[in-house]
Amino acid sequence: MVPWSEVTTTRAGGRHGLPWRAAGSVVVLLALAGFGLIGAAFTESPTAPPPQPPPLAESPVGAAATSPEVAQPAPSGRPRSAPGQIVIPKIGVHASIMKIGTNPDGTVEVPPLDQAQLAGWYEPGASPGEVGNAVIVGHVDSAELGPAVFFSLGDLRPGDTVGVVREDGEQVDFTVESVKAYPKTEFPTELVYGPTDQIALRVVTCGGIFDEAAGDYPDNIVVFATQAQ
């Protein structure tokens, strides 16, 4: 992944006309290549990937013989529990989370635009705290409400904290590793939805300059984070 210092920072003004800091166009949770959150929703996104396969708990055959280091055990993770709230102190986010899945055409659902203050958890994937990539998506803004839940997501930096409160009462804290902007035509599906043996979180919204003609943003902003130690 490109270090944050190498990512160009641009300002994206949504239809509300206010500036929003977003990582520049470099590289966001599960094939959100069409993550158009201003009315267009995911109309340009490819078919959503299936639920993540079980993480690789063991090293590839022969790895132990070729490496002088002893393989570290993979984290065991918590039992499955749906997330109820997401808390991001750096950007003042304290929002409720709704469950989302896929539309009949296979694209990823998003929270309704009249509820743009809510985030959405992709339920077919891992829950926050389980081994795997948990994916949470949200709008950057809406014509009806203005700035939305992830309006300032692009302001996050490596080392910042994202907390997720689960329905079982536990809070899982994640540390941001990188924040990337990707053109929607180059969405990193594998990095967002692919299997991993880590307890990880992907937070996704839109970025770039709002295209009035298309009624959409050109990029996706993806926050990559892993469970805090």
Foldseek 3Di string as FASTA:
>chain_A
DDAQVPWDWDWAADPVRDTEIATDADAFAFQQLQCFPAVCGSVPTDAGDAEEDAADQDDPPPPVVVDPDDDDGFDQWDPAFAWFWKAFPVVGATAGEDEWEADPVRHTDAPDQVVQQYKYWHVRYGHQRHAWETEIEGECAYPVGGGYRCVHVRVDHFQGKMWTQTPVGDIWIKTWDHKHKHFSVPHPNCVNRYHHSFRWYKYKYADDYQDPVVSGGGIMIITIIGTDD
